[in-house]
Amino acid sequence: MEQKQIWVVKESGEKEPFDRQKARGALRRTGMSGKESDTALARLEERLHDGITTKKIYAILYEIIEGMKPQVSHKFNLKRALFDIGPEGYEFEDFIGKLLVTQGYGVELRQIMTGMCVSHEIDVLAQKMGHSYSIECKFHNQYGTRCRIQTALYVYARFLDLREGSRKGLCKKVTKPWLITNTKFSEDVIRYAECMDFPLLGWRYPLQDGLETLIDRTRCYPVTVIPMSRDIIGRLLARKIVTIADIPENAQRLSDLSGIPLLKAREVVERAEYAR
């Protein structure tokens, strides 16, 4: 008997058919086996209905994974965790800085640099193998938002001003711009960056080496992959506890540093062990 088609409402308000293979792929990417993924998918399908939102599907799947295999839930939670690291962009800049350090870059955050015409605040200045990158970290806190062409144009124009400024001895040498976001890029951004030969890093871009792949490979996960209240997240981020690696292994130490209750600190330390 043919299954009834279920229509899902995306974050943008658009509707699309429920894609079973897409959901299965998301489960498999967490490290769940094929059998485990099929079991989780069957449990999800029992709760689907026409008009269900992608947000609700995500919440149901997360609940299922938590019940079946909590040690991989941080991988499934990564996309949402990169939104929860806000609501402002400073914490995302701190996170990207730490992620780049794991890749061997020298990193300086929020540097004021004098171009030929005006001064610029650079989110991240990164150096590696003779290159120096002026990085714009474009943080979005709304789902479904793509990084648009205006940002790419601004990033490249700023680089040109800094390059001329460095030639006149006004600032450090900058060899390339770099645009990094927690979401996807519009097609215009990708075409422009390829044409002007500067790197992009975002969700699923580059195709085989996107932000999520780099985070999984380095295990440099944001603290927000752990389920916590907004208050506790805020306390951790305020004390520059931005990645799982920043979380002390001793719960009392974490409680003393952040001011969160010891019982909750123990839960956070325990969950952090899955992602280390």
Protein backbone atom coordinates (compact mmCIF):
# COMPACT_ATOMS: atom_id res chain seq x y z
CA MET A 1 0.00 0.00 0.00
CA GLU A 2 1.39 3.40 -1.01
CA GLN A 3 2.22 5.71 1.90
CA LYS A 4 0.28 8.97 2.14
CA GLN A 5 2.42 12.00 1.29
CA ILE A 6 3.07 14.26 4.28
CA TRP A 7 3.59 17.97 3.68
CA VAL A 8 6.12 19.73 5.89
CA VAL A 9 6.27 23.47 6.63
CA LYS A 10 9.82 24.87 6.40
CA GLU A 11 11.21 27.73 8.52
CA SER A 12 10.54 30.07 5.59
CA GLY A 13 6.86 29.13 5.56
CA GLU A 14 7.18 27.16 2.32
CA LYS A 15 5.79 23.64 2.12
CA GLU A 16 7.58 20.57 0.80
CA PRO A 17 6.94 16.80 0.90
CA PHE A 18 8.52 14.94 3.81
CA ASP A 19 11.79 13.46 2.51
CA ARG A 20 12.40 10.11 4.18
CA GLN A 21 15.89 9.71 2.73
CA LYS A 22 16.93 13.17 3.86
CA ALA A 23 15.83 12.37 7.43
CA ARG A 24 17.61 9.01 7.28
CA GLY A 25 20.76 10.71 6.01
CA ALA A 26 20.69 13.13 8.95
CA LEU A 27 20.44 10.20 11.35
CA ARG A 28 23.26 8.31 9.66
CA ARG A 29 25.55 11.36 9.83
CA THR A 30 25.37 11.21 13.63
CA GLY A 31 27.06 7.81 13.56
CA MET A 32 23.92 5.75 14.12
CA SER A 33 23.91 2.41 12.31
CA GLY A 34 21.57 1.70 9.44
CA LYS A 35 19.34 -0.42 11.70
CA GLU A 36 19.29 2.26 14.42
CA SER A 37 18.46 4.94 11.86
CA ASP A 38 15.58 2.89 10.46
CA THR A 39 14.21 2.33 13.96
CA ALA A 40 14.40 6.06 14.75
CA LEU A 41 12.79 6.92 11.42
CA ALA A 42 9.91 4.51 12.04
CA ARG A 43 9.27 6.14 15.44
CA LEU A 44 9.31 9.57 13.78
CA GLU A 45 6.86 8.54 11.06
CA GLU A 46 4.34 7.43 13.68
CA ARG A 47 4.16 11.07 14.83
CA LEU A 48 4.09 12.86 11.48
CA HIS A 49 1.04 14.71 10.20
CA ASP A 50 0.24 17.11 7.39
CA GLY A 51 1.44 20.64 8.17
CA ILE A 52 4.07 19.58 10.73
CA THR A 53 6.96 22.04 10.88
CA THR A 54 10.59 21.20 10.26
CA LYS A 55 11.26 22.58 13.74
CA LYS A 56 8.87 20.05 15.27
CA ILE A 57 10.37 17.19 13.24
CA TYR A 58 13.79 18.21 14.49
CA ALA A 59 12.56 18.23 18.10
CA ILE A 60 10.97 14.78 17.74
CA LEU A 61 14.10 13.29 16.16
CA TYR A 62 16.29 14.82 18.84
CA GLU A 63 14.04 13.30 21.53
CA ILE A 64 14.24 9.90 19.80
CA ILE A 65 18.04 10.05 19.52
CA GLU A 66 18.32 11.10 23.16
CA GLY A 67 16.36 8.01 24.14
CA MET A 68 18.20 5.61 21.83
CA LYS A 69 21.79 6.86 21.69
CA PRO A 70 22.46 10.06 23.67
CA GLN A 71 26.21 9.85 23.02
CA VAL A 72 25.68 10.99 19.40
CA SER A 73 22.97 13.59 20.02
CA HIS A 74 25.52 16.44 19.90
CA LYS A 75 26.18 15.70 16.22
CA PHE A 76 22.50 15.86 15.39
CA ASN A 77 22.17 19.06 17.44
CA LEU A 78 25.07 20.85 15.73
CA LYS A 79 23.10 22.97 13.25
CA ARG A 80 20.81 24.32 15.97
CA ALA A 81 23.76 24.72 18.33
CA LEU A 82 25.42 27.14 15.89
CA PHE A 83 22.31 29.35 16.07
CA ASP A 84 22.12 29.09 19.86
CA ILE A 85 25.66 30.41 20.26
CA GLY A 86 24.21 33.92 19.67
CA PRO A 87 22.10 35.98 19.83
CA GLU A 88 24.94 38.41 18.97
CA GLY A 89 27.93 37.65 16.77
CA TYR A 90 30.78 37.96 19.28
CA GLU A 91 30.45 34.42 20.60
CA PHE A 92 30.44 33.07 17.04
CA GLU A 93 33.65 35.00 16.36
CA ASP A 94 35.20 33.48 19.50
CA PHE A 95 34.11 30.02 18.37
CA ILE A 96 35.51 30.43 14.85
CA GLY A 97 38.78 31.68 16.30
CA LYS A 98 39.10 28.52 18.41
CA LEU A 99 38.10 26.32 15.48
CA LEU A 100 40.83 27.85 13.31
CA VAL A 101 43.42 27.37 16.05
CA THR A 102 42.74 23.61 15.85
CA GLN A 103 43.72 23.89 12.16
CA GLY A 104 47.09 25.47 12.95
CA TYR A 105 46.18 29.12 12.33
CA GLY A 106 47.53 31.98 14.38
CA VAL A 107 44.45 33.97 15.41
CA GLU A 108 43.71 37.51 16.60
CA LEU A 109 40.15 38.59 17.35
CA ARG A 110 38.43 41.93 16.72
CA GLN A 111 41.42 43.86 15.42
CA ILE A 112 41.15 47.50 14.32
CA MET A 113 43.13 47.90 11.08
CA THR A 114 43.75 51.06 9.07
CA GLY A 115 43.11 50.78 5.35
CA MET A 116 44.10 53.31 2.71
CA CYS A 117 40.77 55.15 3.13
CA VAL A 118 39.17 54.15 6.45
CA SER A 119 39.68 51.96 9.51
CA HIS A 120 38.02 48.55 9.81
CA GLU A 121 37.23 46.20 12.69
CA ILE A 122 38.24 42.72 11.58
CA ASP A 123 36.31 39.90 13.29
CA VAL A 124 39.20 37.43 12.99
CA LEU A 125 42.70 37.93 11.61
CA ALA A 126 44.21 34.51 10.85
CA GLN A 127 47.71 33.62 9.66
CA LYS A 128 48.99 30.35 8.24
CA MET A 129 51.71 29.31 5.79
CA GLY A 130 52.51 32.83 4.65
CA HIS A 131 48.90 33.92 4.19
CA SER A 132 47.05 36.43 6.34
CA TYR A 133 43.25 36.40 6.13
CA SER A 134 40.87 39.19 7.09
CA ILE A 135 37.81 37.18 8.16
CA GLU A 136 34.21 38.34 8.36
CA CYS A 137 32.13 36.09 10.62
CA LYS A 138 28.53 36.54 9.48
CA PHE A 139 26.30 35.19 12.24
CA HIS A 140 22.59 34.60 11.58
CA ASN A 141 20.14 33.86 14.39
CA GLN A 142 17.13 33.10 12.19
CA TYR A 143 16.65 29.73 10.54
CA GLY A 144 16.47 29.63 6.77
CA THR A 145 18.58 32.78 6.36
CA ARG A 146 21.31 32.63 3.72
CA CYS A 147 24.43 34.76 3.54
CA ARG A 148 23.73 37.28 0.75
CA ILE A 149 25.80 38.91 -1.97
CA GLN A 150 25.92 42.30 -0.19
CA THR A 151 28.06 40.74 2.53
CA ALA A 152 30.49 39.20 0.02
CA LEU A 153 30.82 42.51 -1.82
CA TYR A 154 31.55 44.31 1.46
CA VAL A 155 34.14 41.71 2.49
CA TYR A 156 36.04 42.04 -0.76
CA ALA A 157 35.87 45.85 -0.84
CA ARG A 158 37.23 45.98 2.71
CA PHE A 159 40.05 43.64 1.74
CA LEU A 160 41.04 45.95 -1.15
CA ASP A 161 41.22 48.93 1.21
CA LEU A 162 43.32 46.94 3.71
CA ARG A 163 45.62 45.65 0.98
CA GLU A 164 46.36 49.19 -0.16
CA GLY A 165 46.73 50.30 3.45
CA SER A 166 49.29 47.57 4.10
CA ARG A 167 51.27 48.65 1.02
CA LYS A 168 51.51 52.12 2.54
CA GLY A 169 52.57 50.70 5.92
CA LEU A 170 49.30 51.61 7.65
CA CYS A 171 48.42 48.08 8.78
CA LYS A 172 49.61 44.48 8.78
CA LYS A 173 49.78 42.69 5.46
CA VAL A 174 46.53 40.98 4.41
CA THR A 175 46.71 38.52 1.51
CA LYS A 176 43.09 37.30 1.26
CA PRO A 177 39.60 37.96 2.55
CA TRP A 178 37.53 35.09 4.01
CA LEU A 179 33.79 34.94 4.68
CA ILE A 180 32.52 32.48 7.30
CA THR A 181 28.88 31.97 8.31
CA ASN A 182 26.82 29.57 10.42
CA THR A 183 24.28 29.16 7.61
CA LYS A 184 24.35 28.57 3.85
CA PHE A 185 25.48 30.93 1.09
CA SER A 186 23.32 32.22 -1.73
CA GLU A 187 24.34 31.11 -5.23
CA ASP A 188 25.44 34.70 -6.01
CA VAL A 189 27.88 34.66 -3.10
CA ILE A 190 29.41 31.37 -4.24
CA ARG A 191 29.80 32.57 -7.84
CA TYR A 192 31.33 35.89 -6.76
CA ALA A 193 33.79 34.30 -4.30
CA GLU A 194 34.89 31.78 -6.91
CA CYS A 195 35.34 34.56 -9.47
CA MET A 196 37.34 36.77 -7.10
CA ASP A 197 39.22 33.78 -5.66
CA PHE A 198 38.53 34.09 -1.95
CA PRO A 199 37.48 31.31 0.43
CA LEU A 200 34.06 30.70 1.98
CA LEU A 201 33.17 28.48 4.92
CA GLY A 202 29.58 27.76 5.88
CA TRP A 203 27.01 25.04 6.39
CA ARG A 204 27.70 22.40 3.74
CA TYR A 205 30.15 24.64 1.90
CA PRO A 206 32.67 23.78 0.57
CA LEU A 207 30.67 20.72 -0.46
CA GLN A 208 32.84 18.01 1.09
CA ASP A 209 34.52 20.20 3.69
CA GLY A 210 31.86 22.52 5.11
CA LEU A 211 31.67 24.01 8.59
CA GLU A 212 29.85 20.98 10.03
CA THR A 213 32.48 18.59 8.58
CA LEU A 214 35.36 20.65 9.99
CA ILE A 215 33.72 20.73 13.43
CA ASP A 216 33.11 16.97 13.41
CA ARG A 217 36.65 16.27 12.24
CA THR A 218 38.32 18.45 14.88
CA ARG A 219 35.71 17.71 17.57
CA CYS A 220 35.71 21.44 18.24
CA TYR A 221 32.02 21.53 19.17
CA PRO A 222 30.29 24.64 20.53
CA VAL A 223 29.06 24.27 24.12
CA THR A 224 25.52 24.76 22.81
CA VAL A 225 25.42 21.17 21.48
CA ILE A 226 24.63 20.27 25.09
CA PRO A 227 20.95 20.79 26.04
CA MET A 228 20.94 23.68 28.54
CA SER A 229 18.75 26.61 29.49
CA ARG A 230 19.41 29.98 27.88
CA ASP A 231 20.55 31.31 31.27
CA ILE A 232 23.23 28.64 31.69
CA ILE A 233 24.41 29.03 28.10
CA GLY A 234 24.73 32.77 28.72
CA ARG A 235 26.79 32.20 31.88
CA LEU A 236 29.19 29.87 30.10
CA LEU A 237 29.64 32.13 27.06
CA ALA A 238 30.16 35.18 29.29
CA ARG A 239 33.15 33.40 30.80
CA LYS A 240 34.56 32.46 27.36
CA ILE A 241 33.54 28.82 27.76
CA VAL A 242 32.67 28.57 24.08
CA THR A 243 33.67 25.06 23.03
CA ILE A 244 33.35 21.64 24.66
CA ALA A 245 37.13 21.68 25.15
CA ASP A 246 36.74 24.81 27.33
CA ILE A 247 34.53 22.96 29.82
CA PRO A 248 36.54 21.86 32.88
CA GLU A 249 36.42 18.12 33.53
CA ASN A 250 35.76 18.85 37.21
CA ALA A 251 32.16 19.85 37.94
CA GLN A 252 33.06 21.89 41.02
CA ARG A 253 35.58 23.86 38.97
CA LEU A 254 32.92 24.53 36.31
CA SER A 255 30.44 25.64 38.96
CA ASP A 256 32.99 27.98 40.55
CA LEU A 257 33.97 29.48 37.18
CA SER A 258 30.47 30.00 35.79
CA GLY A 259 28.24 30.32 38.83
CA ILE A 260 25.91 27.54 37.64
CA PRO A 261 24.55 25.14 40.29
CA LEU A 262 26.78 22.16 41.03
CA LEU A 263 24.10 19.62 40.06
CA LYS A 264 23.72 21.21 36.63
CA ALA A 265 27.50 21.53 36.31
CA ARG A 266 27.77 17.76 36.81
CA GLU A 267 25.23 17.18 34.02
CA VAL A 268 27.13 19.50 31.68
CA VAL A 269 30.48 17.81 32.41
CA GLU A 270 28.94 14.37 31.87
CA ARG A 271 27.41 15.37 28.51
CA ALA A 272 30.63 17.07 27.43
CA GLU A 273 32.44 13.74 27.67
CA TYR A 274 30.41 12.43 24.69
CA ALA A 275 31.70 15.21 22.46
CA ARG A 276 35.34 15.43 23.53
